[in-house]
């Protein structure tokens, strides 16, 4: 059993790295014997969190890093995605469906809503000028023995 297993990585906040991060997190979660549907839920939520970092945390001229931590405990994966970008001044408003700070880019404003839909728990902490941390939990129950 992989109880207590974890990994952490830092990677440049670039769109081209989103699929790598999504796939790496999903591959790590395979140890908990998820269904394909559960694994796709994780991939979707991670993709949204990473995209938020790339699009909103840093200016195009000054991209930074994304830190990804994943820990496994029992049948639960805890996924933390953190940036050190501009931060969110009002997390509650930012988490409302269809809210976007970039309407000129035709953003849907559904990132946090999708994360909440596909994961069992989502917590967002942010400080203006210091960055944002999103912590998501997913318990894999369909194949639980």
N, C-alpha and C. Protein backbone atom coordinates (compact mmCIF):
# COMPACT_ATOMS: atom_id res chain seq x y z
N UNK A 1 0.84 -1.18 0.00
CA UNK A 1 0.00 0.00 0.00
C UNK A 1 0.88 1.24 0.00
N UNK A 2 0.41 2.32 -0.61
CA UNK A 2 1.20 3.53 -0.73
C UNK A 2 0.78 4.61 0.26
N UNK A 3 0.24 4.23 1.41
CA UNK A 3 -0.16 5.24 2.38
C UNK A 3 1.03 6.11 2.75
N UNK A 4 0.81 7.40 2.71
CA UNK A 4 1.86 8.33 3.07
C UNK A 4 2.79 8.67 1.92
N UNK A 5 2.59 8.11 0.75
CA UNK A 5 3.45 8.42 -0.38
C UNK A 5 3.16 9.83 -0.88
N UNK A 6 4.18 10.51 -1.40
CA UNK A 6 3.98 11.88 -1.87
C UNK A 6 5.06 12.25 -2.89
N UNK A 7 4.80 13.32 -3.60
CA UNK A 7 5.83 13.94 -4.42
C UNK A 7 5.59 15.43 -4.50
N UNK A 8 6.63 16.16 -4.87
CA UNK A 8 6.54 17.60 -5.06
C UNK A 8 7.39 17.97 -6.26
N UNK A 9 6.89 18.90 -7.06
CA UNK A 9 7.68 19.40 -8.18
C UNK A 9 7.43 20.88 -8.37
N UNK A 10 8.43 21.54 -8.93
CA UNK A 10 8.30 22.94 -9.34
C UNK A 10 8.51 22.97 -10.83
N UNK A 11 7.69 23.78 -11.48
CA UNK A 11 7.77 23.84 -12.94
C UNK A 11 7.38 25.23 -13.38
N UNK A 12 7.92 25.66 -14.49
CA UNK A 12 7.62 26.99 -15.02
C UNK A 12 6.14 27.08 -15.37
N UNK A 13 5.53 28.22 -15.06
CA UNK A 13 4.11 28.45 -15.31
C UNK A 13 3.90 28.78 -16.79
N UNK A 14 3.91 27.75 -17.61
CA UNK A 14 3.74 27.89 -19.05
C UNK A 14 2.63 26.95 -19.50
N UNK A 15 1.85 27.39 -20.47
CA UNK A 15 0.76 26.58 -21.00
C UNK A 15 1.26 25.22 -21.48
N UNK A 16 2.43 25.18 -22.06
CA UNK A 16 2.96 23.92 -22.60
C UNK A 16 3.23 22.88 -21.51
N UNK A 17 3.29 23.28 -20.25
CA UNK A 17 3.55 22.34 -19.15
C UNK A 17 2.27 21.78 -18.53
N UNK A 18 1.12 22.33 -18.90
CA UNK A 18 -0.15 21.90 -18.28
C UNK A 18 -0.40 20.41 -18.48
N UNK A 19 -0.24 19.90 -19.69
CA UNK A 19 -0.52 18.48 -19.94
C UNK A 19 0.46 17.57 -19.19
N UNK A 20 1.71 18.00 -19.08
CA UNK A 20 2.70 17.22 -18.33
C UNK A 20 2.30 17.11 -16.86
N UNK A 21 1.91 18.23 -16.26
CA UNK A 21 1.52 18.24 -14.85
C UNK A 21 0.28 17.37 -14.65
N UNK A 22 -0.72 17.57 -15.49
CA UNK A 22 -1.97 16.80 -15.41
C UNK A 22 -1.69 15.30 -15.50
N UNK A 23 -0.88 14.90 -16.45
CA UNK A 23 -0.57 13.48 -16.64
C UNK A 23 0.26 12.91 -15.49
N UNK A 24 1.19 13.71 -14.97
CA UNK A 24 2.03 13.26 -13.87
C UNK A 24 1.21 13.02 -12.60
N UNK A 25 0.32 13.96 -12.29
CA UNK A 25 -0.55 13.81 -11.12
C UNK A 25 -1.44 12.58 -11.28
N UNK A 26 -2.03 12.41 -12.46
CA UNK A 26 -2.90 11.26 -12.69
C UNK A 26 -2.13 9.95 -12.57
N UNK A 27 -0.94 9.90 -13.14
CA UNK A 27 -0.13 8.68 -13.06
C UNK A 27 0.20 8.33 -11.62
N UNK A 28 0.49 9.33 -10.81
CA UNK A 28 0.80 9.10 -9.40
C UNK A 28 -0.42 8.55 -8.66
N UNK A 29 -1.61 9.04 -9.02
CA UNK A 29 -2.84 8.60 -8.36
C UNK A 29 -3.26 7.18 -8.74
N UNK A 30 -2.69 6.62 -9.79
CA UNK A 30 -3.03 5.27 -10.22
C UNK A 30 -2.77 4.26 -9.09
N UNK A 31 -1.84 4.56 -8.21
CA UNK A 31 -1.53 3.66 -7.08
C UNK A 31 -2.75 3.42 -6.19
N UNK A 32 -3.74 4.31 -6.23
CA UNK A 32 -4.93 4.17 -5.38
C UNK A 32 -6.06 3.44 -6.10
N UNK A 33 -5.78 2.88 -7.27
CA UNK A 33 -6.73 2.07 -8.03
C UNK A 33 -8.03 2.80 -8.36
N UNK A 34 -7.92 3.99 -8.97
CA UNK A 34 -9.13 4.73 -9.33
C UNK A 34 -9.78 4.13 -10.57
N UNK A 35 -11.05 4.45 -10.77
CA UNK A 35 -11.69 4.12 -12.04
C UNK A 35 -11.20 5.12 -13.07
N UNK A 36 -11.44 4.84 -14.32
CA UNK A 36 -11.07 5.77 -15.38
C UNK A 36 -11.81 7.09 -15.21
N UNK A 37 -13.06 7.03 -14.79
CA UNK A 37 -13.85 8.24 -14.55
C UNK A 37 -13.24 9.09 -13.43
N UNK A 38 -12.86 8.44 -12.34
CA UNK A 38 -12.24 9.17 -11.22
C UNK A 38 -10.92 9.81 -11.65
N UNK A 39 -10.14 9.07 -12.42
CA UNK A 39 -8.87 9.61 -12.90
C UNK A 39 -9.08 10.80 -13.83
N UNK A 40 -10.09 10.72 -14.67
CA UNK A 40 -10.41 11.85 -15.55
C UNK A 40 -10.89 13.06 -14.75
N UNK A 41 -11.61 12.83 -13.65
CA UNK A 41 -12.02 13.92 -12.77
C UNK A 41 -10.80 14.67 -12.24
N UNK A 42 -9.81 13.92 -11.78
CA UNK A 42 -8.58 14.52 -11.25
C UNK A 42 -7.86 15.30 -12.34
N UNK A 43 -7.75 14.72 -13.52
CA UNK A 43 -7.06 15.38 -14.62
C UNK A 43 -7.75 16.69 -14.99
N UNK A 44 -9.06 16.69 -15.02
CA UNK A 44 -9.80 17.91 -15.35
C UNK A 44 -9.57 18.99 -14.31
N UNK A 45 -9.67 18.62 -13.04
CA UNK A 45 -9.50 19.60 -11.96
C UNK A 45 -8.07 20.16 -11.94
N UNK A 46 -7.08 19.30 -12.11
CA UNK A 46 -5.69 19.75 -12.13
C UNK A 46 -5.46 20.67 -13.33
N UNK A 47 -6.00 20.32 -14.46
CA UNK A 47 -5.87 21.15 -15.65
C UNK A 47 -6.42 22.55 -15.41
N UNK A 48 -7.58 22.65 -14.76
CA UNK A 48 -8.18 23.95 -14.46
C UNK A 48 -7.30 24.75 -13.49
N UNK A 49 -6.78 24.09 -12.47
CA UNK A 49 -5.94 24.79 -11.49
C UNK A 49 -4.66 25.31 -12.14
N UNK A 50 -4.04 24.50 -12.97
CA UNK A 50 -2.81 24.91 -13.65
C UNK A 50 -3.09 26.05 -14.62
N UNK A 51 -4.17 25.94 -15.37
CA UNK A 51 -4.54 27.00 -16.31
C UNK A 51 -4.77 28.32 -15.57
N UNK A 52 -5.41 28.27 -14.40
CA UNK A 52 -5.59 29.48 -13.61
C UNK A 52 -4.25 30.11 -13.25
N UNK A 53 -3.29 29.30 -12.86
CA UNK A 53 -1.95 29.83 -12.53
C UNK A 53 -1.33 30.50 -13.75
N UNK A 54 -1.37 29.84 -14.87
CA UNK A 54 -0.71 30.35 -16.08
C UNK A 54 -1.39 31.64 -16.55
N UNK A 55 -2.73 31.66 -16.56
CA UNK A 55 -3.46 32.79 -17.13
C UNK A 55 -3.56 33.97 -16.18
N UNK A 56 -3.76 33.70 -14.89
CA UNK A 56 -4.08 34.78 -13.96
C UNK A 56 -2.97 35.18 -12.99
N UNK A 57 -2.09 34.26 -12.63
CA UNK A 57 -1.12 34.56 -11.57
C UNK A 57 0.02 35.47 -12.02
N UNK A 58 0.46 35.27 -13.24
CA UNK A 58 1.65 35.98 -13.70
C UNK A 58 1.33 36.79 -14.96
N UNK A 59 2.07 37.87 -15.15
CA UNK A 59 1.93 38.63 -16.39
C UNK A 59 2.66 37.86 -17.50
N UNK A 60 2.30 38.14 -18.71
CA UNK A 60 2.93 37.44 -19.84
C UNK A 60 4.44 37.68 -19.88
N UNK A 61 4.88 38.84 -19.44
CA UNK A 61 6.31 39.17 -19.47
C UNK A 61 7.07 38.54 -18.31
N UNK A 62 6.37 38.14 -17.27
CA UNK A 62 7.04 37.69 -16.06
C UNK A 62 6.38 36.42 -15.53
N UNK A 63 6.52 35.32 -16.27
CA UNK A 63 5.94 34.09 -15.77
C UNK A 63 6.81 33.54 -14.65
N UNK A 64 6.18 32.87 -13.72
CA UNK A 64 6.89 32.33 -12.57
C UNK A 64 6.80 30.83 -12.52
N UNK A 65 6.83 30.30 -11.33
CA UNK A 65 6.79 28.86 -11.12
C UNK A 65 5.45 28.43 -10.53
N UNK A 66 5.17 27.17 -10.75
CA UNK A 66 4.04 26.50 -10.11
C UNK A 66 4.64 25.37 -9.28
N UNK A 67 4.20 25.26 -8.04
CA UNK A 67 4.60 24.14 -7.20
C UNK A 67 3.42 23.20 -7.08
N UNK A 68 3.67 21.93 -7.35
CA UNK A 68 2.63 20.90 -7.27
C UNK A 68 3.06 19.88 -6.24
N UNK A 69 2.19 19.64 -5.27
CA UNK A 69 2.44 18.61 -4.26
C UNK A 69 1.26 17.65 -4.29
N UNK A 70 1.54 16.37 -4.27
CA UNK A 70 0.49 15.36 -4.21
C UNK A 70 0.86 14.37 -3.12
N UNK A 71 -0.09 14.10 -2.23
CA UNK A 71 0.13 13.08 -1.21
C UNK A 71 -1.02 12.10 -1.24
N UNK A 72 -0.70 10.84 -0.98
CA UNK A 72 -1.69 9.77 -0.97
C UNK A 72 -1.82 9.23 0.45
N UNK A 73 -3.06 9.07 0.88
CA UNK A 73 -3.32 8.53 2.21
C UNK A 73 -4.58 7.70 2.14
N UNK A 74 -4.46 6.42 2.44
CA UNK A 74 -5.63 5.55 2.30
C UNK A 74 -6.06 5.51 0.85
N UNK A 75 -7.30 5.89 0.58
CA UNK A 75 -7.81 5.96 -0.79
C UNK A 75 -7.95 7.41 -1.26
N UNK A 76 -7.30 8.35 -0.57
CA UNK A 76 -7.45 9.77 -0.86
C UNK A 76 -6.16 10.37 -1.39
N UNK A 77 -6.32 11.19 -2.44
CA UNK A 77 -5.23 11.99 -2.97
C UNK A 77 -5.47 13.44 -2.57
N UNK A 78 -4.45 14.08 -2.06
CA UNK A 78 -4.51 15.51 -1.73
C UNK A 78 -3.54 16.21 -2.67
N UNK A 79 -4.08 17.12 -3.46
CA UNK A 79 -3.32 17.79 -4.51
C UNK A 79 -3.26 19.28 -4.19
N UNK A 80 -2.05 19.79 -4.04
CA UNK A 80 -1.85 21.21 -3.75
C UNK A 80 -1.13 21.85 -4.93
N UNK A 81 -1.72 22.93 -5.45
CA UNK A 81 -1.12 23.65 -6.56
C UNK A 81 -0.96 25.10 -6.12
N UNK A 82 0.29 25.57 -6.15
CA UNK A 82 0.60 26.89 -5.60
C UNK A 82 1.40 27.72 -6.60
N UNK A 83 1.06 29.00 -6.65
CA UNK A 83 1.86 29.95 -7.43
C UNK A 83 2.28 31.07 -6.49
N UNK A 84 3.22 31.86 -6.93
CA UNK A 84 3.65 33.03 -6.14
C UNK A 84 3.39 34.29 -6.95
N UNK A 85 2.27 34.29 -7.64
CA UNK A 85 1.91 35.39 -8.52
C UNK A 85 1.17 36.51 -7.82
N UNK A 86 0.25 37.14 -8.55
CA UNK A 86 -0.40 38.37 -8.09
C UNK A 86 -1.41 38.15 -6.97
N UNK A 87 -1.91 36.93 -6.81
CA UNK A 87 -2.90 36.66 -5.77
C UNK A 87 -4.30 37.09 -6.17
N UNK A 88 -5.26 36.73 -5.33
CA UNK A 88 -6.68 37.03 -5.57
C UNK A 88 -7.17 37.89 -4.42
N UNK A 89 -7.71 39.05 -4.73
CA UNK A 89 -8.14 39.96 -3.67
C UNK A 89 -9.43 39.51 -3.00
N UNK A 90 -10.31 38.84 -3.73
CA UNK A 90 -11.59 38.38 -3.19
C UNK A 90 -11.86 36.95 -3.67
N UNK A 91 -11.40 35.97 -2.90
CA UNK A 91 -11.50 34.57 -3.28
C UNK A 91 -12.97 34.15 -3.44
N UNK A 92 -13.82 34.59 -2.54
CA UNK A 92 -15.24 34.21 -2.60
C UNK A 92 -15.86 34.62 -3.94
N UNK A 93 -15.60 35.84 -4.37
CA UNK A 93 -16.12 36.31 -5.66
C UNK A 93 -15.48 35.54 -6.81
N UNK A 94 -14.19 35.32 -6.74
CA UNK A 94 -13.47 34.62 -7.81
C UNK A 94 -13.98 33.20 -8.00
N UNK A 95 -14.52 32.59 -6.96
CA UNK A 95 -15.00 31.22 -7.05
C UNK A 95 -16.43 31.11 -7.57
N UNK A 96 -17.08 32.23 -7.79
CA UNK A 96 -18.45 32.20 -8.32
C UNK A 96 -18.43 31.78 -9.78
N UNK A 97 -19.42 30.97 -10.19
CA UNK A 97 -19.49 30.57 -11.60
C UNK A 97 -19.56 31.78 -12.52
N UNK A 98 -18.85 31.70 -13.63
CA UNK A 98 -18.81 32.69 -14.70
C UNK A 98 -18.03 33.96 -14.35
N UNK A 99 -17.43 34.03 -13.16
CA UNK A 99 -16.62 35.21 -12.83
C UNK A 99 -15.26 35.08 -13.52
N UNK A 100 -14.84 36.12 -14.20
CA UNK A 100 -13.53 36.13 -14.81
C UNK A 100 -12.93 37.53 -14.75
N UNK A 101 -11.63 37.57 -14.62
CA UNK A 101 -10.94 38.86 -14.64
C UNK A 101 -10.44 39.17 -16.04
N UNK A 102 -10.67 38.25 -16.97
CA UNK A 102 -10.16 38.44 -18.34
C UNK A 102 -11.26 38.19 -19.38
N UNK A 103 -12.36 38.96 -19.32
CA UNK A 103 -13.43 38.73 -20.29
C UNK A 103 -13.01 39.01 -21.73
N UNK A 104 -12.01 39.88 -21.91
CA UNK A 104 -11.53 40.19 -23.26
C UNK A 104 -10.86 38.98 -23.91
N UNK A 105 -10.47 38.00 -23.11
CA UNK A 105 -9.86 36.78 -23.62
C UNK A 105 -10.88 35.66 -23.75
N UNK A 106 -12.15 36.01 -23.58
CA UNK A 106 -13.25 35.05 -23.69
C UNK A 106 -13.08 33.87 -22.73
N UNK A 107 -12.68 34.16 -21.51
CA UNK A 107 -12.58 33.14 -20.47
C UNK A 107 -13.97 32.85 -19.93
N UNK A 108 -14.26 31.60 -19.60
CA UNK A 108 -15.61 31.22 -19.16
C UNK A 108 -15.86 31.52 -17.70
N UNK A 109 -14.81 31.61 -16.89
CA UNK A 109 -15.01 31.84 -15.47
C UNK A 109 -15.53 30.62 -14.73
N UNK A 110 -15.25 29.44 -15.26
CA UNK A 110 -15.77 28.20 -14.66
C UNK A 110 -14.68 27.33 -14.03
N UNK A 111 -13.45 27.82 -13.95
CA UNK A 111 -12.35 27.01 -13.43
C UNK A 111 -12.58 26.47 -12.04
N UNK A 112 -12.89 27.34 -11.08
CA UNK A 112 -13.11 26.88 -9.71
C UNK A 112 -14.36 26.00 -9.62
N UNK A 113 -15.39 26.34 -10.39
CA UNK A 113 -16.62 25.54 -10.39
C UNK A 113 -16.33 24.13 -10.88
N UNK A 114 -15.53 24.00 -11.92
CA UNK A 114 -15.17 22.67 -12.41
C UNK A 114 -14.36 21.90 -11.38
N UNK A 115 -13.42 22.58 -10.73
CA UNK A 115 -12.64 21.91 -9.69
C UNK A 115 -13.56 21.38 -8.59
N UNK A 116 -14.52 22.19 -8.17
CA UNK A 116 -15.45 21.78 -7.12
C UNK A 116 -16.36 20.64 -7.58
N UNK A 117 -16.71 20.63 -8.85
CA UNK A 117 -17.58 19.59 -9.39
C UNK A 117 -16.88 18.24 -9.42
N UNK A 118 -15.61 18.23 -9.80
CA UNK A 118 -14.92 16.96 -10.02
C UNK A 118 -14.14 16.45 -8.82
N UNK A 119 -13.96 17.28 -7.80
CA UNK A 119 -13.21 16.86 -6.62
C UNK A 119 -14.13 16.80 -5.41
N UNK A 120 -13.69 16.12 -4.36
CA UNK A 120 -14.50 16.00 -3.14
C UNK A 120 -14.34 17.21 -2.23
N UNK A 121 -13.27 17.95 -2.39
CA UNK A 121 -13.05 19.15 -1.59
C UNK A 121 -12.07 20.07 -2.30
N UNK A 122 -12.35 21.37 -2.22
CA UNK A 122 -11.46 22.38 -2.81
C UNK A 122 -11.34 23.53 -1.84
N UNK A 123 -10.11 23.89 -1.49
CA UNK A 123 -9.85 25.03 -0.62
C UNK A 123 -8.91 25.98 -1.36
N UNK A 124 -9.23 27.26 -1.31
CA UNK A 124 -8.39 28.26 -1.98
C UNK A 124 -7.95 29.30 -0.96
N UNK A 125 -6.65 29.51 -0.88
CA UNK A 125 -6.09 30.56 -0.02
C UNK A 125 -5.23 31.44 -0.91
N UNK A 126 -5.39 32.75 -0.73
CA UNK A 126 -4.64 33.66 -1.57
C UNK A 126 -4.32 34.94 -0.82
N UNK A 127 -3.19 35.52 -1.20
CA UNK A 127 -2.79 36.80 -0.64
C UNK A 127 -2.29 37.66 -1.79
N UNK A 128 -2.86 38.84 -1.92
CA UNK A 128 -2.48 39.74 -3.00
C UNK A 128 -0.98 40.00 -2.95
N UNK A 129 -0.35 39.84 -4.09
CA UNK A 129 1.09 40.07 -4.21
C UNK A 129 1.96 38.91 -3.76
N UNK A 130 1.34 37.87 -3.21
CA UNK A 130 2.13 36.73 -2.69
C UNK A 130 1.74 35.39 -3.31
N UNK A 131 0.57 35.33 -3.94
CA UNK A 131 0.21 34.10 -4.63
C UNK A 131 -1.02 33.41 -4.10
N UNK A 132 -1.31 32.29 -4.73
CA UNK A 132 -2.52 31.52 -4.45
C UNK A 132 -2.17 30.05 -4.29
N UNK A 133 -2.86 29.39 -3.36
CA UNK A 133 -2.72 27.96 -3.15
C UNK A 133 -4.11 27.32 -3.25
N UNK A 134 -4.22 26.32 -4.12
CA UNK A 134 -5.45 25.56 -4.26
C UNK A 134 -5.15 24.14 -3.76
N UNK A 135 -5.97 23.67 -2.81
CA UNK A 135 -5.82 22.31 -2.29
C UNK A 135 -7.10 21.56 -2.65
N UNK A 136 -6.91 20.43 -3.35
CA UNK A 136 -8.05 19.62 -3.78
C UNK A 136 -7.89 18.21 -3.23
N UNK A 137 -9.02 17.62 -2.85
CA UNK A 137 -9.02 16.25 -2.36
C UNK A 137 -9.93 15.39 -3.20
N UNK A 138 -9.49 14.17 -3.42
CA UNK A 138 -10.32 13.20 -4.15
C UNK A 138 -10.13 11.84 -3.47
N UNK A 139 -11.25 11.26 -3.03
CA UNK A 139 -11.23 9.92 -2.48
C UNK A 139 -11.74 8.96 -3.53
N UNK A 140 -10.97 7.94 -3.80
CA UNK A 140 -11.31 6.97 -4.83
C UNK A 140 -12.09 5.83 -4.16
N UNK A 141 -13.37 5.80 -4.42
CA UNK A 141 -14.23 4.85 -3.73
C UNK A 141 -14.82 3.78 -4.63
N UNK A 142 -14.85 4.00 -5.92
CA UNK A 142 -15.54 3.06 -6.80
C UNK A 142 -14.87 1.69 -6.82
N UNK A 143 -13.55 1.66 -6.72
CA UNK A 143 -12.84 0.38 -6.71
C UNK A 143 -12.35 0.00 -5.32
N UNK A 144 -12.85 0.70 -4.29
CA UNK A 144 -12.40 0.41 -2.93
C UNK A 144 -12.72 -1.03 -2.56
N UNK A 145 -11.77 -1.66 -1.92
CA UNK A 145 -11.97 -3.07 -1.54
C UNK A 145 -12.28 -3.17 -0.07
